Amino acid sequence: MSLGLLQGRDSSGDSEGKDRAYAAASHFLSAFSAEFGEVDCRLLIGYNLLDPNERQQAKESKVFDEKCRQYLAWVADFLATKVTK
């Protein structure tokens, strides 16, 4: 969503803005995948968070602190340094 706001359309008829947003999303996903080997949360952390038991296991294993925080920090840095309007 952030990429859409930063790179996206200024109006509903702005097809160039839509193209910019799609290109930015593609670049972001490629860069994230290159850094972490995957873009699917379930595969990144090893838990299906839609399953209450697995979500509890994820909490107990501290995966949110140990892995998710790292992914979010990378995303924030990417957005701050690699994306311009």
Protein backbone atom coordinates (compact mmCIF):
# COMPACT_ATOMS: atom_id res chain seq x y z
CA MET A 1 0.00 0.00 0.00
CA SER A 2 2.83 2.37 0.78
CA LEU A 3 4.30 1.84 -2.66
CA GLY A 4 0.95 2.65 -4.21
CA LEU A 5 0.79 5.90 -2.27
CA LEU A 6 4.38 6.80 -3.09
CA GLN A 7 4.42 5.70 -6.71
CA GLY A 8 0.80 5.30 -7.67
CA ARG A 9 -1.96 7.15 -9.35
CA ASP A 10 -2.86 10.71 -8.55
CA SER A 11 -6.35 10.20 -9.98
CA SER A 12 -8.51 7.33 -11.18
CA GLY A 13 -7.53 8.02 -14.79
CA ASP A 14 -3.77 8.09 -14.14
CA SER A 15 -2.64 4.95 -15.99
CA GLU A 16 1.02 6.07 -15.87
CA GLY A 17 0.79 6.22 -12.08
CA LYS A 18 -0.67 2.74 -12.03
CA ASP A 19 2.23 1.52 -14.19
CA ARG A 20 4.71 3.19 -11.79
CA ALA A 21 3.06 1.48 -8.82
CA TYR A 22 3.20 -1.95 -10.48
CA ALA A 23 6.84 -1.46 -11.46
CA ALA A 24 7.71 -0.35 -7.92
CA ALA A 25 5.91 -3.36 -6.44
CA SER A 26 7.74 -5.71 -8.81
CA HIS A 27 11.09 -4.15 -7.91
CA PHE A 28 10.29 -4.35 -4.19
CA LEU A 29 9.27 -8.02 -4.37
CA SER A 30 12.39 -8.92 -6.35
CA ALA A 31 14.65 -7.10 -3.89
CA PHE A 32 12.93 -8.65 -0.85
CA SER A 33 13.13 -12.11 -2.38
CA ALA A 34 16.80 -11.63 -3.22
CA GLU A 35 17.49 -10.60 0.38
CA PHE A 36 15.43 -13.24 2.19
CA GLY A 37 14.81 -15.96 -0.40
CA GLU A 38 11.03 -15.72 -0.24
CA VAL A 39 8.14 -13.27 -0.01
CA ASP A 40 5.48 -15.55 1.50
CA CYS A 41 5.11 -14.94 5.23
CA ARG A 42 4.28 -18.57 5.97
CA LEU A 43 7.50 -19.71 4.32
CA LEU A 44 9.59 -16.91 5.84
CA ILE A 45 8.64 -17.63 9.44
CA GLY A 46 7.66 -21.29 9.23
CA TYR A 47 4.17 -20.85 10.71
CA ASN A 48 0.67 -20.49 9.30
CA LEU A 49 -0.67 -17.54 11.27
CA LEU A 50 -4.24 -18.29 10.16
CA ASP A 51 -4.10 -21.43 12.31
CA PRO A 52 -4.60 -20.51 16.00
CA ASN A 53 -2.29 -23.31 17.20
CA GLU A 54 0.51 -22.32 14.85
CA ARG A 55 0.02 -18.66 15.73
CA GLN A 56 0.46 -19.56 19.41
CA GLN A 57 3.57 -21.59 18.55
CA ALA A 58 4.94 -18.60 16.64
CA LYS A 59 4.40 -16.37 19.67
CA GLU A 60 6.08 -18.87 21.96
CA SER A 61 9.05 -19.26 19.62
CA LYS A 62 9.48 -15.45 19.54
CA VAL A 63 9.48 -15.54 15.73
CA PHE A 64 7.89 -12.08 15.66
CA ASP A 65 10.83 -10.59 17.53
CA GLU A 66 13.53 -12.66 15.89
CA LYS A 67 12.39 -12.71 12.24
CA CYS A 68 9.47 -10.36 11.57
CA ARG A 69 11.23 -7.38 13.13
CA GLN A 70 14.17 -7.96 10.75
CA TYR A 71 11.84 -8.07 7.73
CA LEU A 72 9.99 -4.93 8.79
CA ALA A 73 13.24 -3.04 9.37
CA TRP A 74 14.41 -4.00 5.89
CA VAL A 75 11.11 -2.85 4.35
CA ALA A 76 11.25 0.48 6.21
CA ASP A 77 14.82 1.04 5.01
CA PHE A 78 13.88 0.09 1.45
CA LEU A 79 10.98 2.52 1.42
CA ALA A 80 13.05 5.30 2.98
CA THR A 81 16.10 4.94 0.75
CA LYS A 82 15.07 3.30 -2.52
CA VAL A 83 11.64 4.72 -3.26
CA THR A 84 11.03 8.28 -4.36
CA LYS A 85 7.90 9.99 -5.63
